[in-house]
């Protein structure tokens, strides 16, 4: 297995543990770093959904029950476009 795949798996494990324990102060910075360095880092969005499932979803919240999922999807799109703009010039 190459080094990038190993590092990505390790970061996935660390981010999953931080989401399960509710350590958003670890999840957000490391997730942003992973978004920048790894291509197609969809795990960030999946972990946002996991965070919503554990802590955010409740009866009667409507669309706000998926705030973490929507926020991580928006950040992933912004970082993907940002990577293209920065690396293109």
N, C-alpha and C. Protein backbone atom coordinates (compact mmCIF):
# COMPACT_ATOMS: atom_id res chain seq x y z
N UNK A 1 0.85 -1.17 0.00
CA UNK A 1 0.00 0.00 0.00
C UNK A 1 0.90 1.23 0.00
N UNK A 2 0.52 2.24 -0.78
CA UNK A 2 1.40 3.41 -0.81
C UNK A 2 1.16 4.32 0.40
N UNK A 3 2.08 5.25 0.58
CA UNK A 3 2.07 6.08 1.79
C UNK A 3 0.85 6.98 1.88
N UNK A 4 0.37 7.50 0.74
CA UNK A 4 -0.79 8.38 0.76
C UNK A 4 -2.05 7.64 1.22
N UNK A 5 -2.21 6.41 0.77
CA UNK A 5 -3.37 5.62 1.19
C UNK A 5 -3.31 5.30 2.67
N UNK A 6 -2.12 4.98 3.16
CA UNK A 6 -1.97 4.69 4.58
C UNK A 6 -2.27 5.93 5.42
N UNK A 7 -1.75 7.07 5.01
CA UNK A 7 -2.01 8.32 5.74
C UNK A 7 -3.49 8.67 5.70
N UNK A 8 -4.12 8.44 4.56
CA UNK A 8 -5.55 8.74 4.44
C UNK A 8 -6.38 7.86 5.37
N UNK A 9 -6.03 6.59 5.45
CA UNK A 9 -6.76 5.68 6.35
C UNK A 9 -6.56 6.09 7.80
N UNK A 10 -5.34 6.45 8.16
CA UNK A 10 -5.06 6.90 9.53
C UNK A 10 -5.86 8.16 9.85
N UNK A 11 -5.89 9.11 8.92
CA UNK A 11 -6.65 10.34 9.14
C UNK A 11 -8.15 10.06 9.23
N UNK A 12 -8.64 9.11 8.44
CA UNK A 12 -10.05 8.72 8.53
C UNK A 12 -10.38 8.17 9.91
N UNK A 13 -9.50 7.35 10.44
CA UNK A 13 -9.72 6.78 11.77
C UNK A 13 -9.71 7.87 12.83
N UNK A 14 -8.74 8.78 12.75
CA UNK A 14 -8.65 9.87 13.73
C UNK A 14 -9.89 10.77 13.64
N UNK A 15 -10.31 11.11 12.43
CA UNK A 15 -11.49 11.96 12.28
C UNK A 15 -12.77 11.26 12.75
N UNK A 16 -12.88 9.98 12.48
CA UNK A 16 -14.06 9.24 12.93
C UNK A 16 -14.12 9.19 14.46
N UNK A 17 -13.00 8.94 15.08
CA UNK A 17 -12.97 8.93 16.55
C UNK A 17 -13.31 10.30 17.11
N UNK A 18 -12.80 11.37 16.47
CA UNK A 18 -13.11 12.71 16.97
C UNK A 18 -14.58 13.06 16.80
N UNK A 19 -15.21 12.57 15.73
CA UNK A 19 -16.65 12.82 15.55
C UNK A 19 -17.45 12.02 16.58
N UNK A 20 -17.08 10.78 16.80
CA UNK A 20 -17.82 9.94 17.75
C UNK A 20 -17.78 10.54 19.16
N UNK A 21 -16.63 11.07 19.55
CA UNK A 21 -16.51 11.65 20.88
C UNK A 21 -16.95 13.11 20.93
N UNK A 22 -17.31 13.70 19.79
CA UNK A 22 -17.78 15.07 19.76
C UNK A 22 -16.68 16.11 19.83
N UNK A 23 -15.49 15.75 19.44
CA UNK A 23 -14.36 16.70 19.48
C UNK A 23 -14.32 17.50 18.19
N UNK A 24 -15.23 18.45 18.05
CA UNK A 24 -15.30 19.25 16.84
C UNK A 24 -14.04 20.09 16.65
N UNK A 25 -13.36 20.44 17.74
CA UNK A 25 -12.14 21.25 17.65
C UNK A 25 -10.97 20.44 17.07
N UNK A 26 -11.11 19.13 16.99
CA UNK A 26 -10.13 18.28 16.30
C UNK A 26 -10.62 17.98 14.89
N UNK A 27 -11.90 17.71 14.76
CA UNK A 27 -12.48 17.30 13.49
C UNK A 27 -12.39 18.39 12.43
N UNK A 28 -12.73 19.61 12.77
CA UNK A 28 -12.77 20.67 11.78
C UNK A 28 -11.39 21.00 11.21
N UNK A 29 -10.38 21.29 12.03
CA UNK A 29 -9.07 21.61 11.43
C UNK A 29 -8.45 20.44 10.65
N UNK A 30 -8.52 19.23 11.21
CA UNK A 30 -7.96 18.09 10.50
C UNK A 30 -8.75 17.77 9.23
N UNK A 31 -10.05 17.94 9.28
CA UNK A 31 -10.87 17.73 8.09
C UNK A 31 -10.53 18.71 6.98
N UNK A 32 -10.29 19.97 7.34
CA UNK A 32 -9.91 20.97 6.35
C UNK A 32 -8.54 20.67 5.75
N UNK A 33 -7.62 20.22 6.58
CA UNK A 33 -6.30 19.83 6.07
C UNK A 33 -6.42 18.65 5.11
N UNK A 34 -7.23 17.67 5.48
CA UNK A 34 -7.43 16.51 4.61
C UNK A 34 -8.11 16.91 3.30
N UNK A 35 -9.07 17.83 3.37
CA UNK A 35 -9.71 18.32 2.15
C UNK A 35 -8.70 18.96 1.21
N UNK A 36 -7.73 19.65 1.77
CA UNK A 36 -6.75 20.33 0.94
C UNK A 36 -5.74 19.36 0.32
N UNK A 37 -5.30 18.38 1.08
CA UNK A 37 -4.22 17.52 0.61
C UNK A 37 -4.66 16.25 -0.12
N UNK A 38 -5.84 15.74 0.16
CA UNK A 38 -6.28 14.50 -0.48
C UNK A 38 -7.32 14.81 -1.55
N UNK A 39 -7.19 14.20 -2.72
CA UNK A 39 -8.21 14.41 -3.75
C UNK A 39 -9.49 13.64 -3.43
N UNK A 40 -10.62 14.25 -3.72
CA UNK A 40 -11.93 13.61 -3.54
C UNK A 40 -12.13 13.09 -2.13
N UNK A 41 -11.96 13.95 -1.17
CA UNK A 41 -12.08 13.54 0.23
C UNK A 41 -13.54 13.62 0.66
N UNK A 42 -14.33 12.65 0.19
CA UNK A 42 -15.76 12.61 0.49
C UNK A 42 -16.03 12.14 1.91
N UNK A 43 -15.01 11.63 2.57
CA UNK A 43 -15.18 11.18 3.95
C UNK A 43 -15.58 12.35 4.86
N UNK A 44 -15.17 13.55 4.51
CA UNK A 44 -15.51 14.74 5.29
C UNK A 44 -17.02 14.93 5.33
N UNK A 45 -17.68 14.75 4.20
CA UNK A 45 -19.14 14.89 4.13
C UNK A 45 -19.81 13.74 4.88
N UNK A 46 -19.29 12.53 4.71
CA UNK A 46 -19.86 11.38 5.41
C UNK A 46 -19.73 11.54 6.92
N UNK A 47 -18.61 12.08 7.37
CA UNK A 47 -18.44 12.29 8.81
C UNK A 47 -19.32 13.44 9.31
N UNK A 48 -19.60 14.41 8.46
CA UNK A 48 -20.57 15.45 8.83
C UNK A 48 -21.96 14.86 9.04
N UNK A 49 -22.32 13.91 8.18
CA UNK A 49 -23.60 13.21 8.36
C UNK A 49 -23.60 12.39 9.64
N UNK A 50 -22.48 11.73 9.92
CA UNK A 50 -22.36 10.95 11.16
C UNK A 50 -22.51 11.86 12.38
N UNK A 51 -21.91 13.04 12.33
CA UNK A 51 -22.03 13.99 13.43
C UNK A 51 -23.49 14.40 13.62
N UNK A 52 -24.18 14.67 12.50
CA UNK A 52 -25.61 15.00 12.60
C UNK A 52 -26.41 13.85 13.19
N UNK A 53 -26.09 12.64 12.77
CA UNK A 53 -26.83 11.48 13.27
C UNK A 53 -26.62 11.29 14.77
N UNK A 54 -25.43 11.58 15.24
CA UNK A 54 -25.14 11.39 16.66
C UNK A 54 -25.63 12.55 17.52
N UNK A 55 -25.46 13.77 17.04
CA UNK A 55 -25.70 14.93 17.91
C UNK A 55 -26.74 15.92 17.41
N UNK A 56 -27.04 15.95 16.11
CA UNK A 56 -27.83 17.05 15.59
C UNK A 56 -29.26 16.74 15.22
N UNK A 57 -29.53 15.52 14.79
CA UNK A 57 -30.86 15.22 14.28
C UNK A 57 -31.86 15.07 15.42
N UNK A 58 -32.93 15.77 15.30
CA UNK A 58 -33.98 15.69 16.30
C UNK A 58 -35.33 15.93 15.66
N UNK A 59 -36.34 15.50 16.32
CA UNK A 59 -37.68 15.66 15.80
C UNK A 59 -38.06 17.14 15.78
N UNK A 60 -38.60 17.58 14.67
CA UNK A 60 -39.10 18.94 14.55
C UNK A 60 -38.06 19.97 14.17
N UNK A 61 -36.84 19.56 13.85
CA UNK A 61 -35.81 20.53 13.48
C UNK A 61 -35.85 20.90 12.00
N UNK A 62 -36.47 20.10 11.18
CA UNK A 62 -36.54 20.37 9.75
C UNK A 62 -35.17 20.29 9.11
N UNK A 63 -34.86 21.26 8.28
CA UNK A 63 -33.58 21.26 7.55
C UNK A 63 -32.40 21.49 8.49
N UNK A 64 -32.64 22.10 9.64
CA UNK A 64 -31.54 22.34 10.59
C UNK A 64 -30.99 21.05 11.19
N UNK A 65 -31.73 19.96 11.05
CA UNK A 65 -31.23 18.68 11.53
C UNK A 65 -30.04 18.20 10.70
N UNK A 66 -29.92 18.72 9.50
CA UNK A 66 -28.83 18.35 8.60
C UNK A 66 -27.82 19.48 8.42
N UNK A 67 -27.70 20.34 9.40
CA UNK A 67 -26.80 21.49 9.29
C UNK A 67 -25.35 21.05 9.12
N UNK A 68 -24.91 20.04 9.84
CA UNK A 68 -23.53 19.56 9.73
C UNK A 68 -23.24 18.97 8.36
N UNK A 69 -24.18 18.22 7.83
CA UNK A 69 -24.01 17.63 6.50
C UNK A 69 -23.95 18.71 5.44
N UNK A 70 -24.86 19.66 5.52
CA UNK A 70 -24.87 20.75 4.54
C UNK A 70 -23.63 21.62 4.65
N UNK A 71 -23.19 21.88 5.87
CA UNK A 71 -22.00 22.70 6.06
C UNK A 71 -20.75 22.00 5.53
N UNK A 72 -20.61 20.71 5.80
CA UNK A 72 -19.43 20.00 5.31
C UNK A 72 -19.46 19.88 3.79
N UNK A 73 -20.64 19.71 3.20
CA UNK A 73 -20.72 19.66 1.74
C UNK A 73 -20.35 21.01 1.13
N UNK A 74 -20.82 22.10 1.74
CA UNK A 74 -20.47 23.43 1.24
C UNK A 74 -18.98 23.70 1.37
N UNK A 75 -18.40 23.35 2.50
CA UNK A 75 -16.97 23.55 2.70
C UNK A 75 -16.16 22.70 1.74
N UNK A 76 -16.60 21.49 1.48
CA UNK A 76 -15.90 20.61 0.53
C UNK A 76 -15.91 21.20 -0.87
N UNK A 77 -17.03 21.76 -1.29
CA UNK A 77 -17.11 22.39 -2.60
C UNK A 77 -16.22 23.63 -2.66
N UNK A 78 -16.25 24.44 -1.61
CA UNK A 78 -15.43 25.65 -1.58
C UNK A 78 -13.95 25.30 -1.62
N UNK A 79 -13.54 24.30 -0.86
CA UNK A 79 -12.13 23.89 -0.87
C UNK A 79 -11.74 23.27 -2.21
N UNK A 80 -12.63 22.53 -2.85
CA UNK A 80 -12.31 21.95 -4.15
C UNK A 80 -12.10 23.03 -5.20
N UNK A 81 -12.97 24.02 -5.21
CA UNK A 81 -12.81 25.14 -6.14
C UNK A 81 -11.57 25.94 -5.79
N UNK A 82 -11.33 26.15 -4.50
CA UNK A 82 -10.14 26.89 -4.07
C UNK A 82 -8.85 26.19 -4.48
N UNK A 83 -8.83 24.87 -4.37
CA UNK A 83 -7.65 24.12 -4.80
C UNK A 83 -7.40 24.30 -6.29
N UNK A 84 -8.46 24.27 -7.07
CA UNK A 84 -8.31 24.45 -8.51
C UNK A 84 -7.76 25.83 -8.84
N UNK A 85 -8.29 26.86 -8.18
CA UNK A 85 -7.86 28.22 -8.46
C UNK A 85 -6.41 28.43 -8.03
N UNK A 86 -6.04 27.96 -6.84
CA UNK A 86 -4.68 28.17 -6.35
C UNK A 86 -3.67 27.37 -7.16
N UNK A 87 -3.98 26.14 -7.48
CA UNK A 87 -3.03 25.29 -8.20
C UNK A 87 -2.98 25.59 -9.69
N UNK A 88 -3.96 26.30 -10.21
CA UNK A 88 -3.98 26.61 -11.63
C UNK A 88 -3.03 27.74 -11.96
N UNK A 89 -2.85 28.67 -11.04
CA UNK A 89 -1.99 29.84 -11.31
C UNK A 89 -0.56 29.59 -10.96
